[in-house]
Structure formats: structure tokens, C-alpha cells
PDB file of all heavy atoms in Angstrom:
ATOM      1  N   ALA A   1     -71.324 -99.393-207.424  1.00  0.00           N
ATOM      2  CA  ALA A   1     -72.484 -98.924-208.179  1.00  0.00           C
ATOM      3  C   ALA A   1     -72.498 -99.472-209.600  1.00  0.00           C
ATOM      4  O   ALA A   1     -73.497 -99.343-210.305  1.00  0.00           O
ATOM      5  CB  ALA A   1     -72.500 -97.396-208.223  1.00  0.00           C
ATOM      6  N   GLY A   2     -71.380-100.073-210.042  1.00  0.00           N
ATOM      7  CA  GLY A   2     -71.313-100.640-211.388  1.00  0.00           C
ATOM      8  C   GLY A   2     -70.350 -99.945-212.329  1.00  0.00           C
ATOM      9  O   GLY A   2     -70.232-100.335-213.490  1.00  0.00           O
ATOM     10  N   PHE A   3     -69.659 -98.908-211.855  1.00  0.00           N
ATOM     11  CA  PHE A   3     -68.702 -98.216-212.715  1.00  0.00           C
ATOM     12  C   PHE A   3     -67.503 -99.117-213.000  1.00  0.00           C
ATOM     13  O   PHE A   3     -67.119 -99.944-212.176  1.00  0.00           O
ATOM     14  CB  PHE A   3     -68.218 -96.915-212.071  1.00  0.00           C
ATOM     15  CG  PHE A   3     -69.244 -95.820-212.076  1.00  0.00           C
ATOM     16  CD1 PHE A   3     -70.064 -95.609-210.981  1.00  0.00           C
ATOM     17  CD2 PHE A   3     -69.401 -95.006-213.188  1.00  0.00           C
ATOM     18  CE1 PHE A   3     -71.014 -94.597-210.972  1.00  0.00           C
ATOM     19  CE2 PHE A   3     -70.346 -93.994-213.199  1.00  0.00           C
ATOM     20  CZ  PHE A   3     -71.163 -93.784-212.090  1.00  0.00           C
ATOM     21  N   VAL A   4     -66.921 -98.938-214.185  1.00  0.00           N
ATOM     22  CA  VAL A   4     -65.723 -99.665-214.596  1.00  0.00           C
ATOM     23  C   VAL A   4     -64.616 -98.657-214.896  1.00  0.00           C
ATOM     24  O   VAL A   4     -64.858 -97.453-214.943  1.00  0.00           O
ATOM     25  CB  VAL A   4     -65.998-100.557-215.835  1.00  0.00           C
ATOM     26  CG1 VAL A   4     -67.016-101.646-215.497  1.00  0.00           C
ATOM     27  CG2 VAL A   4     -66.461 -99.725-217.032  1.00  0.00           C
ATOM     28  N   ASP A   5     -63.421 -99.177-215.106  1.00  0.00           N
ATOM     29  CA  ASP A   5     -62.249 -98.338-215.390  1.00  0.00           C
ATOM     30  C   ASP A   5     -62.062 -97.262-214.321  1.00  0.00           C
ATOM     31  O   ASP A   5     -61.709 -96.122-214.617  1.00  0.00           O
ATOM     32  CB  ASP A   5     -62.346 -97.676-216.778  1.00  0.00           C
ATOM     33  CG  ASP A   5     -62.505 -98.680-217.902  1.00  0.00           C
ATOM     34  OD1 ASP A   5     -61.950 -99.792-217.775  1.00  0.00           O
ATOM     35  OD2 ASP A   5     -63.179 -98.365-218.897  1.00  0.00           O
ATOM     36  N   VAL A   6     -62.310 -97.637-213.075  1.00  0.00           N
ATOM     37  CA  VAL A   6     -62.216 -96.688-211.959  1.00  0.00           C
ATOM     38  C   VAL A   6     -60.746 -96.464-211.628  1.00  0.00           C
ATOM     39  O   VAL A   6     -59.979 -97.418-211.472  1.00  0.00           O
ATOM     40  CB  VAL A   6     -62.986 -97.208-210.729  1.00  0.00           C
ATOM     41  CG1 VAL A   6     -62.825 -96.265-209.552  1.00  0.00           C
ATOM     42  CG2 VAL A   6     -64.456 -97.411-211.072  1.00  0.00           C
ATOM     43  N   ALA A   7     -60.354 -95.210-211.537  1.00  0.00           N
ATOM     44  CA  ALA A   7     -58.960 -94.872-211.263  1.00  0.00           C
ATOM     45  C   ALA A   7     -58.882 -93.578-210.461  1.00  0.00           C
ATOM     46  O   ALA A   7     -59.770 -92.729-210.530  1.00  0.00           O
ATOM     47  CB  ALA A   7     -58.182 -94.722-212.569  1.00  0.00           C
ATOM     48  N   VAL A   8     -57.783 -93.448-209.716  1.00  0.00           N
ATOM     49  CA  VAL A   8     -57.496 -92.251-208.929  1.00  0.00           C
ATOM     50  C   VAL A   8     -56.490 -91.396-209.694  1.00  0.00           C
ATOM     51  O   VAL A   8     -55.488 -91.907-210.194  1.00  0.00           O
ATOM     52  CB  VAL A   8     -56.907 -92.627-207.548  1.00  0.00           C
ATOM     53  CG1 VAL A   8     -56.545 -91.388-206.745  1.00  0.00           C
ATOM     54  CG2 VAL A   8     -57.870 -93.517-206.773  1.00  0.00           C
ATOM     55  N   HIS A   9     -56.786 -90.099-209.766  1.00  0.00           N
ATOM     56  CA  HIS A   9     -55.913 -89.146-210.451  1.00  0.00           C
ATOM     57  C   HIS A   9     -55.662 -87.965-209.521  1.00  0.00           C
ATOM     58  O   HIS A   9     -56.598 -87.495-208.871  1.00  0.00           O
ATOM     59  CB  HIS A   9     -56.574 -88.616-211.729  1.00  0.00           C
ATOM     60  CG  HIS A   9     -57.118 -89.681-212.622  1.00  0.00           C
ATOM     61  ND1 HIS A   9     -56.340 -90.321-213.551  1.00  0.00           N
ATOM     62  CD2 HIS A   9     -58.352 -90.225-212.712  1.00  0.00           C
ATOM     63  CE1 HIS A   9     -57.090 -91.217-214.185  1.00  0.00           C
ATOM     64  NE2 HIS A   9     -58.302 -91.177-213.699  1.00  0.00           N
ATOM     65  N   PRO A  10     -54.434 -87.443-209.465  1.00  0.00           N
ATOM     66  CA  PRO A  10     -54.230 -86.213-208.695  1.00  0.00           C
ATOM     67  C   PRO A  10     -55.020 -85.076-209.348  1.00  0.00           C
ATOM     68  O   PRO A  10     -55.089 -84.998-210.566  1.00  0.00           O
ATOM     69  CB  PRO A  10     -52.733 -85.950-208.798  1.00  0.00           C
ATOM     70  CG  PRO A  10     -52.126 -87.142-209.453  1.00  0.00           C
ATOM     71  CD  PRO A  10     -53.219 -87.928-210.092  1.00  0.00           C
ATOM     72  N   PHE A  11     -55.640 -84.245-208.544  1.00  0.00           N
ATOM     73  CA  PHE A  11     -56.364 -83.078-209.060  1.00  0.00           C
ATOM     74  C   PHE A  11     -55.620 -81.814-208.645  1.00  0.00           C
ATOM     75  O   PHE A  11     -55.223 -81.033-209.476  1.00  0.00           O
ATOM     76  CB  PHE A  11     -57.808 -83.079-208.547  1.00  0.00           C
ATOM     77  CG  PHE A  11     -58.697 -82.094-209.237  1.00  0.00           C
ATOM     78  CD1 PHE A  11     -59.106 -82.303-210.540  1.00  0.00           C
ATOM     79  CD2 PHE A  11     -59.134 -80.956-208.582  1.00  0.00           C
ATOM     80  CE1 PHE A  11     -59.930 -81.384-211.190  1.00  0.00           C
ATOM     81  CE2 PHE A  11     -59.953 -80.036-209.217  1.00  0.00           C
ATOM     82  CZ  PHE A  11     -60.353 -80.250-210.516  1.00  0.00           C
ATOM     83  N   VAL A  12     -55.417 -81.662-207.354  1.00  0.00           N
ATOM     84  CA  VAL A  12     -54.495 -80.665-206.804  1.00  0.00           C
ATOM     85  C   VAL A  12     -53.529 -81.495-205.964  1.00  0.00           C
ATOM     86  O   VAL A  12     -53.878 -81.930-204.869  1.00  0.00           O
ATOM     87  CB  VAL A  12     -55.208 -79.604-205.946  1.00  0.00           C
ATOM     88  CG1 VAL A  12     -54.198 -78.654-205.320  1.00  0.00           C
ATOM     89  CG2 VAL A  12     -56.247 -78.840-206.763  1.00  0.00           C
ATOM     90  N   PRO A  13     -52.337 -81.802-206.494  1.00  0.00           N
ATOM     91  CA  PRO A  13     -51.425 -82.734-205.819  1.00  0.00           C
ATOM     92  C   PRO A  13     -51.223 -82.396-204.341  1.00  0.00           C
ATOM     93  O   PRO A  13     -51.004 -81.249-203.970  1.00  0.00           O
ATOM     94  CB  PRO A  13     -50.120 -82.582-206.608  1.00  0.00           C
ATOM     95  CG  PRO A  13     -50.583 -82.174-207.983  1.00  0.00           C
ATOM     96  CD  PRO A  13     -51.772 -81.276-207.734  1.00  0.00           C
ATOM     97  N   GLY A  14     -51.366 -83.435-203.515  1.00  0.00           N
ATOM     98  CA  GLY A  14     -51.203 -83.282-202.078  1.00  0.00           C
ATOM     99  C   GLY A  14     -52.427 -82.739-201.367  1.00  0.00           C
ATOM    100  O   GLY A  14     -52.448 -82.648-200.140  1.00  0.00           O
ATOM    101  N   VAL A  15     -53.468 -82.381-202.129  1.00  0.00           N
ATOM    102  CA  VAL A  15     -54.675 -81.819-201.517  1.00  0.00           C
ATOM    103  C   VAL A  15     -55.936 -82.537-201.981  1.00  0.00           C
ATOM    104  O   VAL A  15     -56.704 -83.041-201.181  1.00  0.00           O
ATOM    105  CB  VAL A  15     -54.800 -80.298-201.811  1.00  0.00           C
ATOM    106  CG1 VAL A  15     -56.052 -79.717-201.183  1.00  0.00           C
ATOM    107  CG2 VAL A  15     -53.569 -79.550-201.339  1.00  0.00           C
ATOM    108  N   LEU A  16     -56.171 -82.561-203.284  1.00  0.00           N
ATOM    109  CA  LEU A  16     -57.401 -83.135-203.842  1.00  0.00           C
ATOM    110  C   LEU A  16     -57.069 -84.247-204.832  1.00  0.00           C
ATOM    111  O   LEU A  16     -56.143 -84.120-205.634  1.00  0.00           O
ATOM    112  CB  LEU A  16     -58.210 -82.078-204.583  1.00  0.00           C
ATOM    113  CG  LEU A  16     -58.746 -80.901-203.780  1.00  0.00           C
ATOM    114  CD1 LEU A  16     -59.386 -79.871-204.718  1.00  0.00           C
ATOM    115  CD2 LEU A  16     -59.731 -81.351-202.732  1.00  0.00           C
ATOM    116  N   SER A  17     -57.878 -85.298-204.780  1.00  0.00           N
ATOM    117  CA  SER A  17     -57.805 -86.377-205.768  1.00  0.00           C
ATOM    118  C   SER A  17     -59.090 -86.363-206.588  1.00  0.00           C
ATOM    119  O   SER A  17     -60.133 -85.910-206.129  1.00  0.00           O
ATOM    120  CB  SER A  17     -57.693 -87.738-205.075  1.00  0.00           C
ATOM    121  OG  SER A  17     -56.501 -87.834-204.368  1.00  0.00           O
ATOM    122  N   ARG A  18     -58.978 -86.893-207.802  1.00  0.00           N
ATOM    123  CA  ARG A  18     -60.156 -87.093-208.655  1.00  0.00           C
ATOM    124  C   ARG A  18     -60.269 -88.594-208.894  1.00  0.00           C
ATOM    125  O   ARG A  18     -59.369 -89.210-209.454  1.00  0.00           O
ATOM    126  CB  ARG A  18     -59.996 -86.349-209.983  1.00  0.00           C
ATOM    127  CG  ARG A  18     -61.168 -86.564-210.941  1.00  0.00           C
ATOM    128  CD  ARG A  18     -60.998 -85.758-212.227  1.00  0.00           C
ATOM    129  NE  ARG A  18     -59.771 -86.073-212.951  1.00  0.00           N
ATOM    130  CZ  ARG A  18     -59.662 -87.027-213.865  1.00  0.00           C
ATOM    131  NH1 ARG A  18     -60.704 -87.802-214.171  1.00  0.00           N
ATOM    132  NH2 ARG A  18     -58.512 -87.225-214.488  1.00  0.00           N
ATOM    133  N   VAL A  19     -61.366 -89.164-208.435  1.00  0.00           N
ATOM    134  CA  VAL A  19     -61.610 -90.588-208.650  1.00  0.00           C
ATOM    135  C   VAL A  19     -62.703 -90.673-209.708  1.00  0.00           C
ATOM    136  O   VAL A  19     -63.796 -90.121-209.529  1.00  0.00           O
ATOM    137  CB  VAL A  19     -62.014 -91.290-207.338  1.00  0.00           C
ATOM    138  CG1 VAL A  19     -62.175 -92.788-207.587  1.00  0.00           C
ATOM    139  CG2 VAL A  19     -60.999 -91.031-206.240  1.00  0.00           C
ATOM    140  N   ALA A  20     -62.389 -91.323-210.808  1.00  0.00           N
ATOM    141  CA  ALA A  20     -63.308 -91.344-211.946  1.00  0.00           C
ATOM    142  C   ALA A  20     -63.618 -92.763-212.366  1.00  0.00           C
ATOM    143  O   ALA A  20     -62.795 -93.670-212.217  1.00  0.00           O
ATOM    144  CB  ALA A  20     -62.686 -90.589-213.126  1.00  0.00           C
ATOM    145  N   GLY A  21     -64.827 -92.935-212.878  1.00  0.00           N
ATOM    146  CA  GLY A  21     -65.253 -94.210-213.420  1.00  0.00           C
ATOM    147  C   GLY A  21     -66.215 -94.005-214.560  1.00  0.00           C
ATOM    148  O   GLY A  21     -66.779 -92.917-214.726  1.00  0.00           O
ATOM    149  N   ARG A  22     -66.411 -95.049-215.346  1.00  0.00           N
ATOM    150  CA  ARG A  22     -67.260 -95.006-216.542  1.00  0.00           C
ATOM    151  C   ARG A  22     -68.384 -96.022-216.417  1.00  0.00           C
ATOM    152  O   ARG A  22     -68.171 -97.143-215.966  1.00  0.00           O
ATOM    153  CB  ARG A  22     -66.396 -95.306-217.774  1.00  0.00           C
ATOM    154  CG  ARG A  22     -67.122 -95.233-219.103  1.00  0.00           C
ATOM    155  CD  ARG A  22     -66.207 -95.570-220.275  1.00  0.00           C
ATOM    156  NE  ARG A  22     -65.531 -96.864-220.129  1.00  0.00           N
ATOM    157  CZ  ARG A  22     -66.112 -98.050-220.361  1.00  0.00           C
ATOM    158  NH1 ARG A  22     -67.365 -98.112-220.739  1.00  0.00           N
ATOM    159  NH2 ARG A  22     -65.416 -99.163-220.220  1.00  0.00           N
ATOM    160  N   LYS A  23     -69.583 -95.610-216.826  1.00  0.00           N
ATOM    161  CA  LYS A  23     -70.717 -96.534-216.879  1.00  0.00           C
ATOM    162  C   LYS A  23     -70.542 -97.422-218.114  1.00  0.00           C
ATOM    163  O   LYS A  23     -70.321 -96.904-219.212  1.00  0.00           O
ATOM    164  CB  LYS A  23     -72.037 -95.754-216.967  1.00  0.00           C
ATOM    165  CG  LYS A  23     -73.262 -96.629-216.969  1.00  0.00           C
ATOM    166  CD  LYS A  23     -74.531 -95.779-216.916  1.00  0.00           C
ATOM    167  CE  LYS A  23     -75.776 -96.664-216.919  1.00  0.00           C
ATOM    168  NZ  LYS A  23     -76.990 -95.834-216.709  1.00  0.00           N
ATOM    169  N   PRO A  24     -70.610 -98.736-217.956  1.00  0.00           N
ATOM    170  CA  PRO A  24     -70.409 -99.609-219.119  1.00  0.00           C
ATOM    171  C   PRO A  24     -71.436 -99.329-220.214  1.00  0.00           C
ATOM    172  O   PRO A  24     -72.541 -98.885-219.941  1.00  0.00           O
ATOM    173  CB  PRO A  24     -70.614-101.023-218.552  1.00  0.00           C
ATOM    174  CG  PRO A  24     -70.464-100.882-217.083  1.00  0.00           C
ATOM    175  CD  PRO A  24     -70.875 -99.480-216.737  1.00  0.00           C
TER     176      PRO A  24
END
């Protein structure tokens, strides 16, 4: 979609992840 700096972060370890990105 055009997001940059996309990274995966644990949110609830072993259950939920948070994948975040920034619009340039």
C-alpha cells in the first residue's frame, strides 16, 4: 500500500503480533 519502516513487534508474546508501518 506504500507504507515504509514496516516492522513486526510482539504485542502479546506467543499470541498477538503488531505489524506497523508509516506513511511517507
